[in-house]
């Protein structure tokens, strides 16, 4: 059975530890096997590439690298601060994620 993570693709998150502490960004992807996430505008690396179809001139490309999932928390939709995540059944009987601080549902 796959692991359940507190963030998923498209979530707005805040980095709570490491060199990028305090940075906000959107989750571009989740890597379950590595327990990592890729966040827009956070943890840039320089990748050296040969010329190819996507980059005809090749060279050095700046791109986001994965960051461990334990170093990020979702943003509370009400307050804009980091919050932990809970799961509960909504009125339609569907399991949804919610912000523990405000009780708001996470999209």
PDB file of N, CA and C in Angstrom:
ATOM      1  N   UNK A   1       0.842  -1.192   0.000  1.00  0.00           N
ATOM      2  CA  UNK A   1       0.000   0.000   0.000  1.00  0.00           C
ATOM      3  C   UNK A   1       0.883   1.249   0.000  1.00  0.00           C
ATOM      4  N   UNK A   2       0.568   2.239  -0.844  1.00  0.00           N
ATOM      5  CA  UNK A   2       1.410   3.431  -0.900  1.00  0.00           C
ATOM      6  C   UNK A   2       1.316   4.269   0.371  1.00  0.00           C
ATOM      7  N   UNK A   3       2.409   4.987   0.666  1.00  0.00           N
ATOM      8  CA  UNK A   3       2.435   5.854   1.837  1.00  0.00           C
ATOM      9  C   UNK A   3       1.540   7.062   1.627  1.00  0.00           C
ATOM     10  N   UNK A   4       0.993   7.580   2.713  1.00  0.00           N
ATOM     11  CA  UNK A   4       0.200   8.801   2.671  1.00  0.00           C
ATOM     12  C   UNK A   4       1.107   9.950   3.121  1.00  0.00           C
ATOM     13  N   UNK A   5       1.189  10.993   2.308  1.00  0.00           N
ATOM     14  CA  UNK A   5       1.996  12.149   2.647  1.00  0.00           C
ATOM     15  C   UNK A   5       1.100  13.334   2.985  1.00  0.00           C
ATOM     16  N   UNK A   6       1.656  14.289   3.714  1.00  0.00           N
ATOM     17  CA  UNK A   6       0.880  15.457   4.122  1.00  0.00           C
ATOM     18  C   UNK A   6       0.823  16.534   3.044  1.00  0.00           C
ATOM     19  N   UNK A   7       1.597  16.377   1.969  1.00  0.00           N
ATOM     20  CA  UNK A   7       1.528  17.320   0.851  1.00  0.00           C
ATOM     21  C   UNK A   7       1.320  16.561  -0.442  1.00  0.00           C
ATOM     22  N   UNK A   8       0.744  17.238  -1.435  1.00  0.00           N
ATOM     23  CA  UNK A   8       0.606  16.628  -2.744  1.00  0.00           C
ATOM     24  C   UNK A   8       0.809  17.689  -3.816  1.00  0.00           C
ATOM     25  N   UNK A   9       0.910  17.253  -5.045  1.00  0.00           N
ATOM     26  CA  UNK A   9       1.200  18.137  -6.166  1.00  0.00           C
ATOM     27  C   UNK A   9       0.165  19.267  -6.225  1.00  0.00           C
ATOM     28  N   UNK A  10       0.657  20.492  -6.369  1.00  0.00           N
ATOM     29  CA  UNK A  10      -0.223  21.649  -6.456  1.00  0.00           C
ATOM     30  C   UNK A  10      -0.410  22.393  -5.142  1.00  0.00           C
ATOM     31  N   UNK A  11      -0.013  21.790  -4.020  1.00  0.00           N
ATOM     32  CA  UNK A  11      -0.143  22.445  -2.714  1.00  0.00           C
ATOM     33  C   UNK A  11       0.820  23.620  -2.589  1.00  0.00           C
ATOM     34  N   UNK A  12       0.415  24.624  -1.836  1.00  0.00           N
ATOM     35  CA  UNK A  12       1.292  25.732  -1.474  1.00  0.00           C
ATOM     36  C   UNK A  12       1.952  25.347  -0.154  1.00  0.00           C
ATOM     37  N   UNK A  13       3.303  25.363  -0.110  1.00  0.00           N
ATOM     38  CA  UNK A  13       4.016  24.916   1.084  1.00  0.00           C
ATOM     39  C   UNK A  13       5.053  25.952   1.521  1.00  0.00           C
ATOM     40  N   UNK A  14       5.493  25.806   2.788  1.00  0.00           N
ATOM     41  CA  UNK A  14       6.566  26.613   3.352  1.00  0.00           C
ATOM     42  C   UNK A  14       7.666  25.660   3.785  1.00  0.00           C
ATOM     43  N   UNK A  15       8.916  26.020   3.475  1.00  0.00           N
ATOM     44  CA  UNK A  15      10.065  25.218   3.909  1.00  0.00           C
ATOM     45  C   UNK A  15      10.347  25.596   5.356  1.00  0.00           C
ATOM     46  N   UNK A  16      10.427  24.589   6.254  1.00  0.00           N
ATOM     47  CA  UNK A  16      10.598  24.864   7.679  1.00  0.00           C
ATOM     48  C   UNK A  16      11.996  24.544   8.192  1.00  0.00           C
ATOM     49  N   UNK A  17      12.869  23.961   7.336  1.00  0.00           N
ATOM     50  CA  UNK A  17      14.225  23.638   7.767  1.00  0.00           C
ATOM     51  C   UNK A  17      15.155  23.641   6.567  1.00  0.00           C
ATOM     52  N   UNK A  18      16.430  23.912   6.824  1.00  0.00           N
ATOM     53  CA  UNK A  18      17.431  23.873   5.764  1.00  0.00           C
ATOM     54  C   UNK A  18      17.775  25.257   5.236  1.00  0.00           C
ATOM     55  N   UNK A  19      18.540  25.280   4.140  1.00  0.00           N
ATOM     56  CA  UNK A  19      19.023  26.546   3.571  1.00  0.00           C
ATOM     57  C   UNK A  19      17.904  27.441   3.069  1.00  0.00           C
ATOM     58  N   UNK A  20      16.773  26.864   2.701  1.00  0.00           N
ATOM     59  CA  UNK A  20      15.664  27.638   2.132  1.00  0.00           C
ATOM     60  C   UNK A  20      14.543  27.856   3.146  1.00  0.00           C
ATOM     61  N   UNK A  21      14.866  27.802   4.432  1.00  0.00           N
ATOM     62  CA  UNK A  21      13.870  27.974   5.484  1.00  0.00           C
ATOM     63  C   UNK A  21      13.117  29.288   5.306  1.00  0.00           C
ATOM     64  N   UNK A  22      11.775  29.225   5.357  1.00  0.00           N
ATOM     65  CA  UNK A  22      10.942  30.409   5.236  1.00  0.00           C
ATOM     66  C   UNK A  22      10.443  30.668   3.825  1.00  0.00           C
ATOM     67  N   UNK A  23      10.983  29.977   2.829  1.00  0.00           N
ATOM     68  CA  UNK A  23      10.550  30.186   1.449  1.00  0.00           C
ATOM     69  C   UNK A  23       9.215  29.487   1.198  1.00  0.00           C
ATOM     70  N   UNK A  24       8.353  30.163   0.427  1.00  0.00           N
ATOM     71  CA  UNK A  24       7.076  29.578   0.032  1.00  0.00           C
ATOM     72  C   UNK A  24       7.160  29.162  -1.421  1.00  0.00           C
ATOM     73  N   UNK A  25       6.392  28.142  -1.782  1.00  0.00           N
ATOM     74  CA  UNK A  25       6.352  27.720  -3.176  1.00  0.00           C
ATOM     75  C   UNK A  25       5.291  26.677  -3.411  1.00  0.00           C
ATOM     76  N   UNK A  26       5.046  26.404  -4.675  1.00  0.00           N
ATOM     77  CA  UNK A  26       4.050  25.422  -5.087  1.00  0.00           C
ATOM     78  C   UNK A  26       4.757  24.091  -5.333  1.00  0.00           C
ATOM     79  N   UNK A  27       4.147  22.995  -4.914  1.00  0.00           N
ATOM     80  CA  UNK A  27       4.729  21.669  -5.116  1.00  0.00           C
ATOM     81  C   UNK A  27       4.557  21.277  -6.584  1.00  0.00           C
ATOM     82  N   UNK A  28       5.690  21.049  -7.258  1.00  0.00           N
ATOM     83  CA  UNK A  28       5.664  20.657  -8.667  1.00  0.00           C
ATOM     84  C   UNK A  28       5.561  19.145  -8.817  1.00  0.00           C
ATOM     85  N   UNK A  29       6.053  18.411  -7.821  1.00  0.00           N
ATOM     86  CA  UNK A  29       5.996  16.956  -7.894  1.00  0.00           C
ATOM     87  C   UNK A  29       6.370  16.317  -6.574  1.00  0.00           C
ATOM     88  N   UNK A  30       5.869  15.099  -6.350  1.00  0.00           N
ATOM     89  CA  UNK A  30       6.178  14.327  -5.148  1.00  0.00           C
ATOM     90  C   UNK A  30       6.885  13.054  -5.587  1.00  0.00           C
ATOM     91  N   UNK A  31       8.003  12.727  -4.931  1.00  0.00           N
ATOM     92  CA  UNK A  31       8.763  11.520  -5.230  1.00  0.00           C
ATOM     93  C   UNK A  31       8.619  10.563  -4.047  1.00  0.00           C
ATOM     94  N   UNK A  32       7.633   9.648  -4.086  1.00  0.00           N
ATOM     95  CA  UNK A  32       7.344   8.792  -2.930  1.00  0.00           C
ATOM     96  C   UNK A  32       8.493   7.872  -2.531  1.00  0.00           C
ATOM     97  N   UNK A  33       9.237   7.343  -3.484  1.00  0.00           N
ATOM     98  CA  UNK A  33      10.326   6.418  -3.153  1.00  0.00           C
ATOM     99  C   UNK A  33      11.457   7.121  -2.410  1.00  0.00           C
ATOM    100  N   UNK A  34      11.699   8.380  -2.732  1.00  0.00           N
ATOM    101  CA  UNK A  34      12.754   9.158  -2.071  1.00  0.00           C
ATOM    102  C   UNK A  34      12.214   9.960  -0.899  1.00  0.00           C
ATOM    103  N   UNK A  35      10.898   9.958  -0.712  1.00  0.00           N
ATOM    104  CA  UNK A  35      10.227  10.768   0.302  1.00  0.00           C
ATOM    105  C   UNK A  35      10.621  12.237   0.155  1.00  0.00           C
ATOM    106  N   UNK A  36      10.562  12.735  -1.075  1.00  0.00           N
ATOM    107  CA  UNK A  36      10.972  14.099  -1.380  1.00  0.00           C
ATOM    108  C   UNK A  36       9.914  14.808  -2.214  1.00  0.00           C
ATOM    109  N   UNK A  37      10.024  16.124  -2.251  1.00  0.00           N
ATOM    110  CA  UNK A  37       9.148  16.938  -3.087  1.00  0.00           C
ATOM    111  C   UNK A  37       9.997  17.935  -3.860  1.00  0.00           C
ATOM    112  N   UNK A  38       9.494  18.354  -5.016  1.00  0.00           N
ATOM    113  CA  UNK A  38      10.133  19.402  -5.787  1.00  0.00           C
ATOM    114  C   UNK A  38       9.247  20.631  -5.683  1.00  0.00           C
ATOM    115  N   UNK A  39       9.842  21.744  -5.230  1.00  0.00           N
ATOM    116  CA  UNK A  39       9.085  22.961  -4.975  1.00  0.00           C
ATOM    117  C   UNK A  39       9.552  24.058  -5.928  1.00  0.00           C
ATOM    118  N   UNK A  40       8.582  24.765  -6.482  1.00  0.00           N
ATOM    119  CA  UNK A  40       8.861  25.833  -7.437  1.00  0.00           C
ATOM    120  C   UNK A  40       9.668  26.952  -6.775  1.00  0.00           C
ATOM    121  N   UNK A  41      10.842  27.259  -7.347  1.00  0.00           N
ATOM    122  CA  UNK A  41      11.665  28.359  -6.868  1.00  0.00           C
ATOM    123  C   UNK A  41      12.503  28.064  -5.645  1.00  0.00           C
ATOM    124  N   UNK A  42      12.627  26.785  -5.254  1.00  0.00           N
ATOM    125  CA  UNK A  42      13.380  26.415  -4.051  1.00  0.00           C
ATOM    126  C   UNK A  42      14.401  25.335  -4.391  1.00  0.00           C
ATOM    127  N   UNK A  43      15.606  25.420  -3.797  1.00  0.00           N
ATOM    128  CA  UNK A  43      16.666  24.413  -3.907  1.00  0.00           C
ATOM    129  C   UNK A  43      17.154  24.245  -5.346  1.00  0.00           C
ATOM    130  N   UNK A  44      17.676  25.330  -5.916  1.00  0.00           N
ATOM    131  CA  UNK A  44      18.179  25.292  -7.287  1.00  0.00           C
ATOM    132  C   UNK A  44      19.522  24.587  -7.373  1.00  0.00           C
ATOM    133  N   UNK A  45      19.726  23.843  -8.476  1.00  0.00           N
ATOM    134  CA  UNK A  45      21.008  23.236  -8.793  1.00  0.00           C
ATOM    135  C   UNK A  45      21.394  23.680 -10.204  1.00  0.00           C
ATOM    136  N   UNK A  46      22.663  23.552 -10.530  1.00  0.00           N
ATOM    137  CA  UNK A  46      23.150  23.836 -11.883  1.00  0.00           C
ATOM    138  C   UNK A  46      23.404  22.508 -12.565  1.00  0.00           C
ATOM    139  N   UNK A  47      22.715  22.257 -13.654  1.00  0.00           N
ATOM    140  CA  UNK A  47      22.857  21.003 -14.384  1.00  0.00           C
ATOM    141  C   UNK A  47      23.572  21.285 -15.700  1.00  0.00           C
ATOM    142  N   UNK A  48      24.662  20.569 -15.944  1.00  0.00           N
ATOM    143  CA  UNK A  48      25.428  20.720 -17.180  1.00  0.00           C
ATOM    144  C   UNK A  48      24.865  19.753 -18.214  1.00  0.00           C
ATOM    145  N   UNK A  49      24.462  20.276 -19.366  1.00  0.00           N
ATOM    146  CA  UNK A  49      23.864  19.415 -20.379  1.00  0.00           C
ATOM    147  C   UNK A  49      24.568  19.563 -21.720  1.00  0.00           C
ATOM    148  N   UNK A  50      24.567  18.476 -22.460  1.00  0.00           N
ATOM    149  CA  UNK A  50      25.049  18.498 -23.839  1.00  0.00           C
ATOM    150  C   UNK A  50      23.911  19.031 -24.704  1.00  0.00           C
ATOM    151  N   UNK A  51      24.228  19.473 -25.899  1.00  0.00           N
ATOM    152  CA  UNK A  51      23.148  19.917 -26.791  1.00  0.00           C
ATOM    153  C   UNK A  51      22.170  18.776 -27.083  1.00  0.00           C
ATOM    154  N   UNK A  52      20.896  19.067 -26.984  1.00  0.00           N
ATOM    155  CA  UNK A  52      19.854  18.085 -27.292  1.00  0.00           C
ATOM    156  C   UNK A  52      18.645  18.814 -27.876  1.00  0.00           C
ATOM    157  N   UNK A  53      17.559  18.091 -28.064  1.00  0.00           N
ATOM    158  CA  UNK A  53      16.363  18.673 -28.682  1.00  0.00           C
ATOM    159  C   UNK A  53      15.793  19.833 -27.863  1.00  0.00           C
ATOM    160  N   UNK A  54      15.745  19.650 -26.548  1.00  0.00           N
ATOM    161  CA  UNK A  54      15.173  20.693 -25.689  1.00  0.00           C
ATOM    162  C   UNK A  54      16.100  21.904 -25.562  1.00  0.00           C
ATOM    163  N   UNK A  55      17.415  21.650 -25.484  1.00  0.00           N
ATOM    164  CA  UNK A  55      18.413  22.713 -25.336  1.00  0.00           C
ATOM    165  C   UNK A  55      19.452  22.579 -26.450  1.00  0.00           C
ATOM    166  N   UNK A  56      19.159  23.157 -27.623  1.00  0.00           N
ATOM    167  CA  UNK A  56      20.044  22.969 -28.781  1.00  0.00           C
ATOM    168  C   UNK A  56      21.480  23.465 -28.551  1.00  0.00           C
ATOM    169  N   UNK A  57      21.653  24.459 -27.678  1.00  0.00           N
ATOM    170  CA  UNK A  57      22.995  24.973 -27.423  1.00  0.00           C
ATOM    171  C   UNK A  57      23.668  24.274 -26.245  1.00  0.00           C
ATOM    172  N   UNK A  58      22.912  23.509 -25.458  1.00  0.00           N
ATOM    173  CA  UNK A  58      23.485  22.858 -24.280  1.00  0.00           C
ATOM    174  C   UNK A  58      23.824  23.891 -23.224  1.00  0.00           C
ATOM    175  N   UNK A  59      24.815  23.587 -22.378  1.00  0.00           N
ATOM    176  CA  UNK A  59      25.279  24.545 -21.377  1.00  0.00           C
ATOM    177  C   UNK A  59      24.801  24.216 -19.980  1.00  0.00           C
ATOM    178  N   UNK A  60      24.774  25.251 -19.136  1.00  0.00           N
ATOM    179  CA  UNK A  60      24.421  25.085 -17.729  1.00  0.00           C
ATOM    180  C   UNK A  60      22.980  25.542 -17.537  1.00  0.00           C
ATOM    181  N   UNK A  61      22.168  24.663 -16.951  1.00  0.00           N
ATOM    182  CA  UNK A  61      20.749  24.942 -16.742  1.00  0.00           C
ATOM    183  C   UNK A  61      20.475  24.962 -15.239  1.00  0.00           C
ATOM    184  N   UNK A  62      19.741  25.987 -14.786  1.00  0.00           N
ATOM    185  CA  UNK A  62      19.323  26.060 -13.382  1.00  0.00           C
ATOM    186  C   UNK A  62      17.966  25.393 -13.254  1.00  0.00           C
ATOM    187  N   UNK A  63      17.845  24.442 -12.307  1.00  0.00           N
ATOM    188  CA  UNK A  63      16.553  23.796 -12.093  1.00  0.00           C
ATOM    189  C   UNK A  63      16.401  23.402 -10.634  1.00  0.00           C
ATOM    190  N   UNK A  64      15.148  23.112 -10.244  1.00  0.00           N
ATOM    191  CA  UNK A  64      14.854  22.761  -8.860  1.00  0.00           C
ATOM    192  C   UNK A  64      15.255  21.316  -8.582  1.00  0.00           C
ATOM    193  N   UNK A  65      15.802  21.089  -7.394  1.00  0.00           N
ATOM    194  CA  UNK A  65      16.157  19.741  -6.957  1.00  0.00           C
ATOM    195  C   UNK A  65      15.190  19.331  -5.849  1.00  0.00           C
ATOM    196  N   UNK A  66      15.053  18.025  -5.589  1.00  0.00           N
ATOM    197  CA  UNK A  66      14.138  17.580  -4.528  1.00  0.00           C
ATOM    198  C   UNK A  66      14.596  18.016  -3.137  1.00  0.00           C
ATOM    199  N   UNK A  67      13.631  18.185  -2.255  1.00  0.00           N
ATOM    200  CA  UNK A  67      13.876  18.514  -0.857  1.00  0.00           C
ATOM    201  C   UNK A  67      13.083  17.503  -0.035  1.00  0.00           C
ATOM    202  N   UNK A  68      13.613  17.060   1.106  1.00  0.00           N
ATOM    203  CA  UNK A  68      12.932  16.021   1.883  1.00  0.00           C
ATOM    204  C   UNK A  68      11.573  16.510   2.369  1.00  0.00           C
ATOM    205  N   UNK A  69      10.602  15.613   2.335  1.00  0.00           N
ATOM    206  CA  UNK A  69       9.213  15.968   2.641  1.00  0.00           C
ATOM    207  C   UNK A  69       9.021  16.412   4.094  1.00  0.00           C
ATOM    208  N   UNK A  70       9.932  15.993   4.995  1.00  0.00           N
ATOM    209  CA  UNK A  70       9.811  16.389   6.398  1.00  0.00           C
ATOM    210  C   UNK A  70      10.193  17.843   6.617  1.00  0.00           C
ATOM    211  N   UNK A  71      10.810  18.469   5.620  1.00  0.00           N
ATOM    212  CA  UNK A  71      11.238  19.860   5.748  1.00  0.00           C
ATOM    213  C   UNK A  71      10.220  20.866   5.223  1.00  0.00           C
ATOM    214  N   UNK A  72       9.037  20.401   4.845  1.00  0.00           N
ATOM    215  CA  UNK A  72       8.002  21.308   4.340  1.00  0.00           C
ATOM    216  C   UNK A  72       6.674  21.075   5.058  1.00  0.00           C
ATOM    217  N   UNK A  73       5.889  22.140   5.174  1.00  0.00           N
ATOM    218  CA  UNK A  73       4.535  22.068   5.724  1.00  0.00           C
ATOM    219  C   UNK A  73       3.599  22.866   4.827  1.00  0.00           C
ATOM    220  N   UNK A  74       2.370  22.403   4.663  1.00  0.00           N
ATOM    221  CA  UNK A  74       1.399  23.156   3.862  1.00  0.00           C
ATOM    222  C   UNK A  74       1.052  24.500   4.510  1.00  0.00           C
ATOM    223  N   UNK A  75       0.636  25.440   3.677  1.00  0.00           N
ATOM    224  CA  UNK A  75       0.217  26.764   4.145  1.00  0.00           C
ATOM    225  C   UNK A  75      -1.254  26.701   4.515  1.00  0.00           C
ATOM    226  N   UNK A  76      -1.580  27.239   5.684  1.00  0.00           N
ATOM    227  CA  UNK A  76      -2.974  27.324   6.119  1.00  0.00           C
ATOM    228  C   UNK A  76      -3.697  28.333   5.231  1.00  0.00           C
ATOM    229  N   UNK A  77      -4.810  27.936   4.586  1.00  0.00           N
ATOM    230  CA  UNK A  77      -5.508  28.855   3.679  1.00  0.00           C
ATOM    231  C   UNK A  77      -6.050  30.110   4.371  1.00  0.00           C
ATOM    232  N   UNK A  78      -6.328  30.031   5.663  1.00  0.00           N
ATOM    233  CA  UNK A  78      -6.898  31.162   6.392  1.00  0.00           C
ATOM    234  C   UNK A  78      -5.829  32.151   6.864  1.00  0.00           C
ATOM    235  N   UNK A  79      -4.744  31.618   7.472  1.00  0.00           N
ATOM    236  CA  UNK A  79      -3.740  32.482   8.096  1.00  0.00           C
ATOM    237  C   UNK A  79      -2.493  32.692   7.258  1.00  0.00           C
ATOM    238  N   UNK A  80      -2.200  31.784   6.334  1.00  0.00           N
ATOM    239  CA  UNK A  80      -0.991  31.897   5.532  1.00  0.00           C
ATOM    240  C   UNK A  80       0.256  31.403   6.239  1.00  0.00           C
ATOM    241  N   UNK A  81       0.073  30.750   7.383  1.00  0.00           N
ATOM    242  CA  UNK A  81       1.202  30.217   8.156  1.00  0.00           C
ATOM    243  C   UNK A  81       1.266  28.702   7.985  1.00  0.00           C
ATOM    244  N   UNK A  82       2.414  28.086   8.309  1.00  0.00           N
ATOM    245  CA  UNK A  82       2.516  26.630   8.186  1.00  0.00           C
ATOM    246  C   UNK A  82       1.581  25.921   9.166  1.00  0.00           C
ATOM    247  N   UNK A  83       1.056  24.780   8.744  1.00  0.00           N
ATOM    248  CA  UNK A  83       0.133  24.023   9.579  1.00  0.00           C
ATOM    249  C   UNK A  83       0.320  22.536   9.354  1.00  0.00           C
ATOM    250  N   UNK A  84      -0.017  21.760  10.373  1.00  0.00           N
ATOM    251  CA  UNK A  84      -0.025  20.315  10.199  1.00  0.00           C
ATOM    252  C   UNK A  84      -1.328  19.915   9.515  1.00  0.00           C
ATOM    253  N   UNK A  85      -1.375  18.669   9.059  1.00  0.00           N
ATOM    254  CA  UNK A  85      -2.524  18.210   8.281  1.00  0.00           C
ATOM    255  C   UNK A  85      -3.214  17.064   8.997  1.00  0.00           C
ATOM    256  N   UNK A  86      -4.551  17.092   8.985  1.00  0.00           N
ATOM    257  CA  UNK A  86      -5.353  15.996   9.505  1.00  0.00           C
ATOM    258  C   UNK A  86      -6.258  15.483   8.399  1.00  0.00           C
ATOM    259  N   UNK A  87      -6.868  14.335   8.648  1.00  0.00           N
ATOM    260  CA  UNK A  87      -7.825  13.782   7.684  1.00  0.00           C
ATOM    261  C   UNK A  87      -9.139  13.529   8.410  1.00  0.00           C
ATOM    262  N   UNK A  88     -10.239  13.877   7.731  1.00  0.00           N
ATOM    263  CA  UNK A  88     -11.559  13.639   8.324  1.00  0.00           C
ATOM    264  C   UNK A  88     -12.562  13.410   7.209  1.00  0.00           C
ATOM    265  N   UNK A  89     -13.695  12.830   7.562  1.00  0.00           N
ATOM    266  CA  UNK A  89     -14.775  12.623   6.600  1.00  0.00           C
ATOM    267  C   UNK A  89     -15.586  13.910   6.497  1.00  0.00           C
ATOM    268  N   UNK A  90     -15.849  14.348   5.269  1.00  0.00           N
ATOM    269  CA  UNK A  90     -16.689  15.531   5.103  1.00  0.00           C
ATOM    270  C   UNK A  90     -18.155  15.111   5.060  1.00  0.00           C
ATOM    271  N   UNK A  91     -19.056  16.062   4.836  1.00  0.00           N
ATOM    272  CA  UNK A  91     -20.490  15.777   4.857  1.00  0.00           C
ATOM    273  C   UNK A  91     -20.927  14.815   3.750  1.00  0.00           C
ATOM    274  N   UNK A  92     -20.127  14.687   2.689  1.00  0.00           N
ATOM    275  CA  UNK A  92     -20.458  13.770   1.597  1.00  0.00           C
ATOM    276  C   UNK A  92     -19.874  12.373   1.816  1.00  0.00           C
ATOM    277  N   UNK A  93     -19.207  12.171   2.958  1.00  0.00           N
ATOM    278  CA  UNK A  93     -18.635  10.861   3.263  1.00  0.00           C
ATOM    279  C   UNK A  93     -17.294  10.614   2.606  1.00  0.00           C
ATOM    280  N   UNK A  94     -16.652  11.692   2.126  1.00  0.00           N
ATOM    281  CA  UNK A  94     -15.355  11.571   1.469  1.00  0.00           C
ATOM    282  C   UNK A  94     -14.254  11.998   2.433  1.00  0.00           C
ATOM    283  N   UNK A  95     -13.119  11.285   2.421  1.00  0.00           N
ATOM    284  CA  UNK A  95     -11.994  11.615   3.283  1.00  0.00           C
ATOM    285  C   UNK A  95     -11.249  12.811   2.693  1.00  0.00           C
ATOM    286  N   UNK A  96     -11.121  13.892   3.462  1.00  0.00           N
ATOM    287  CA  UNK A  96     -10.464  15.105   2.993  1.00  0.00           C
ATOM    288  C   UNK A  96      -9.364  15.522   3.969  1.00  0.00           C
ATOM    289  N   UNK A  97      -8.388  16.274   3.454  1.00  0.00           N
ATOM    290  CA  UNK A  97      -7.329  16.813   4.301  1.00  0.00           C
ATOM    291  C   UNK A  97      -7.770  18.179   4.826  1.00  0.00           C
ATOM    292  N   UNK A  98      -7.398  18.483   6.061  1.00  0.00           N
ATOM    293  CA  UNK A  98      -7.744  19.785   6.627  1.00  0.00           C
ATOM    294  C   UNK A  98      -6.568  20.334   7.431  1.00  0.00           C
ATOM    295  N   UNK A  99      -6.515  21.657   7.561  1.00  0.00           N
ATOM    296  CA  UNK A  99      -5.471  22.340   8.326  1.00  0.00           C
ATOM    297  C   UNK A  99      -5.806  22.218   9.814  1.00  0.00           C
ATOM    298  N   UNK A 100      -4.848  21.749  10.606  1.00  0.00           N
ATOM    299  CA  UNK A 100      -5.087  21.554  12.031  1.00  0.00           C
ATOM    300  C   UNK A 100      -5.267  22.889  12.771  1.00  0.00           C
ATOM    301  N   UNK A 101      -4.616  23.966  12.299  1.00  0.00           N
ATOM    302  CA  UNK A 101      -4.703  25.258  12.991  1.00  0.00           C
ATOM    303  C   UNK A 101      -6.073  25.895  12.859  1.00  0.00           C
ATOM    304  N   UNK A 102      -6.612  25.933  11.625  1.00  0.00           N
ATOM    305  CA  UNK A 102      -7.857  26.658  11.413  1.00  0.00           C
ATOM    306  C   UNK A 102      -9.040  25.739  11.177  1.00  0.00           C
ATOM    307  N   UNK A 103      -8.794  24.483  10.846  1.00  0.00           N
ATOM    308  CA  UNK A 103      -9.890  23.565  10.523  1.00  0.00           C
ATOM    309  C   UNK A 103     -10.361  23.662   9.078  1.00  0.00           C
ATOM    310  N   UNK A 104      -9.724  24.545   8.290  1.00  0.00           N
ATOM    311  CA  UNK A 104     -10.085  24.720   6.881  1.00  0.00           C
ATOM    312  C   UNK A 104      -9.699  23.492   6.062  1.00  0.00           C
ATOM    313  N   UNK A 105     -10.488  23.189   5.055  1.00  0.00           N
ATOM    314  CA  UNK A 105     -10.187  22.089   4.150  1.00  0.00           C
ATOM    315  C   UNK A 105      -9.063  22.498   3.202  1.00  0.00           C
ATOM    316  N   UNK A 106      -8.114  21.587   2.953  1.00  0.00           N
ATOM    317  CA  UNK A 106      -7.049  21.848   1.991  1.00  0.00           C
ATOM    318  C   UNK A 106      -7.505  21.338   0.639  1.00  0.00           C
ATOM    319  N   UNK A 107      -7.316  22.119  -0.381  1.00  0.00           N
ATOM    320  CA  UNK A 107      -7.760  21.738  -1.728  1.00  0.00           C
ATOM    321  C   UNK A 107      -6.860  20.661  -2.285  1.00  0.00           C
TER     322      UNK A 107
END
